[in-house]
Amino acid sequence: MVIWSEPAKADLRSIHDFIAHDSQHYAKKVTQDIREKTDVLDELPKVGKKVPELNDENIRELSLYSYRIIYEIKDQGAFVLSVVHKRRDLMAGDIEL
């Protein structure tokens, strides 16, 4: 089961709103593609690579467009923790994981 945390949902809304300033169509497409990218985690939770900044085998990421979809593998399934732009510093402290 793939579960989206509240901070990850907020990240997705922010991405949508940012893109929507230029195009409602692409805002919807990008956010939909991000959600669909996580569908694979149901069957293959270790498909993503380990997040190098955290060095934790259970915290992994998928990449899509210019975003990192960060998730944690737990017994109950995969928990999407955050969706961040690849240029953002994960260790800056402004990203909730």
Protein backbone atom coordinates (compact mmCIF):
# COMPACT_ATOMS: atom_id res chain seq x y z
CA MET A 1 0.00 0.00 0.00
CA VAL A 2 1.25 3.51 -0.85
CA ILE A 3 0.32 6.16 1.70
CA TRP A 4 0.90 9.87 1.15
CA SER A 5 1.83 11.88 4.25
CA GLU A 6 0.19 15.27 4.79
CA PRO A 7 3.47 17.14 4.09
CA ALA A 8 3.85 15.23 0.80
CA LYS A 9 0.28 16.11 -0.18
CA ALA A 10 1.06 19.76 0.62
CA ASP A 11 4.19 19.54 -1.55
CA LEU A 12 2.09 18.22 -4.43
CA ARG A 13 -0.43 21.06 -4.02
CA SER A 14 2.41 23.61 -4.01
CA ILE A 15 3.89 22.12 -7.18
CA HIS A 16 0.48 22.22 -8.82
CA ASP A 17 -0.12 25.83 -7.81
CA PHE A 18 3.32 26.94 -8.99
CA ILE A 19 2.95 25.34 -12.43
CA ALA A 20 -0.67 26.49 -12.73
CA HIS A 21 0.49 30.11 -12.91
CA ASP A 22 1.64 29.25 -16.43
CA SER A 23 -0.57 26.30 -17.38
CA GLN A 24 -3.47 24.57 -15.67
CA HIS A 25 -3.07 21.68 -18.11
CA TYR A 26 0.58 21.00 -17.24
CA ALA A 27 -0.03 21.55 -13.52
CA LYS A 28 -2.58 18.75 -13.58
CA LYS A 29 -0.41 16.52 -15.78
CA VAL A 30 2.74 16.88 -13.66
CA THR A 31 0.98 16.23 -10.35
CA GLN A 32 -0.94 13.30 -11.81
CA ASP A 33 2.28 11.83 -13.23
CA ILE A 34 3.98 12.17 -9.83
CA ARG A 35 1.14 10.32 -8.11
CA GLU A 36 1.15 7.59 -10.76
CA LYS A 37 4.94 7.19 -10.46
CA THR A 38 4.44 5.98 -6.88
CA ASP A 39 2.00 3.22 -7.94
CA VAL A 40 4.95 0.90 -8.59
CA LEU A 41 5.85 1.01 -4.89
CA ASP A 42 2.98 -1.35 -4.09
CA GLU A 43 4.78 -4.21 -5.81
CA LEU A 44 8.39 -3.01 -5.85
CA PRO A 45 9.08 -0.82 -2.82
CA LYS A 46 12.86 -0.97 -3.27
CA VAL A 47 12.73 0.23 -6.87
CA GLY A 48 13.97 3.68 -5.87
CA LYS A 49 17.52 4.53 -4.96
CA LYS A 50 18.67 5.23 -1.44
CA VAL A 51 18.58 8.96 -0.57
CA PRO A 52 22.31 9.77 -0.42
CA GLU A 53 21.97 12.59 2.14
CA LEU A 54 20.26 10.30 4.65
CA ASN A 55 22.07 6.98 4.07
CA ASP A 56 19.12 4.96 5.35
CA GLU A 57 18.23 1.77 3.46
CA ASN A 58 14.51 2.34 4.08
CA ILE A 59 14.33 5.94 2.87
CA ARG A 60 14.43 6.00 -0.91
CA GLU A 61 13.56 8.22 -3.83
CA LEU A 62 12.08 8.11 -7.28
CA SER A 63 12.82 10.83 -9.83
CA LEU A 64 10.37 12.38 -12.23
CA TYR A 65 10.89 15.55 -14.22
CA SER A 66 12.82 17.85 -11.89
CA TYR A 67 11.40 16.34 -8.69
CA ARG A 68 12.52 13.83 -6.08
CA ILE A 69 9.72 11.71 -4.61
CA ILE A 70 11.06 10.67 -1.21
CA TYR A 71 9.46 7.72 0.55
CA GLU A 72 10.04 5.36 3.43
CA ILE A 73 9.57 1.61 3.35
CA LYS A 74 7.71 0.26 6.38
CA ASP A 75 5.94 -3.02 7.14
CA GLN A 76 2.58 -1.47 6.23
CA GLY A 77 3.83 -0.27 2.84
CA ALA A 78 5.53 2.74 1.30
CA PHE A 79 4.98 6.15 2.88
CA VAL A 80 5.59 9.13 0.62
CA LEU A 81 7.32 11.66 2.84
CA SER A 82 8.03 14.56 0.50
CA VAL A 83 8.21 15.73 -3.10
CA VAL A 84 11.01 18.23 -3.60
CA HIS A 85 12.65 19.97 -6.52
CA LYS A 86 16.04 18.46 -7.32
CA ARG A 87 17.76 21.81 -6.76
CA ARG A 88 16.55 22.13 -3.16
CA ASP A 89 18.93 21.26 -0.38
CA LEU A 90 17.41 18.36 1.51
CA MET A 91 19.53 19.10 4.56
CA ALA A 92 18.67 22.82 4.78
CA GLY A 93 16.01 22.11 7.40
CA ASP A 94 13.06 23.57 5.52
CA ILE A 95 11.95 20.19 4.18
CA GLU A 96 9.89 17.98 6.47
CA LEU A 97 10.79 14.29 6.31
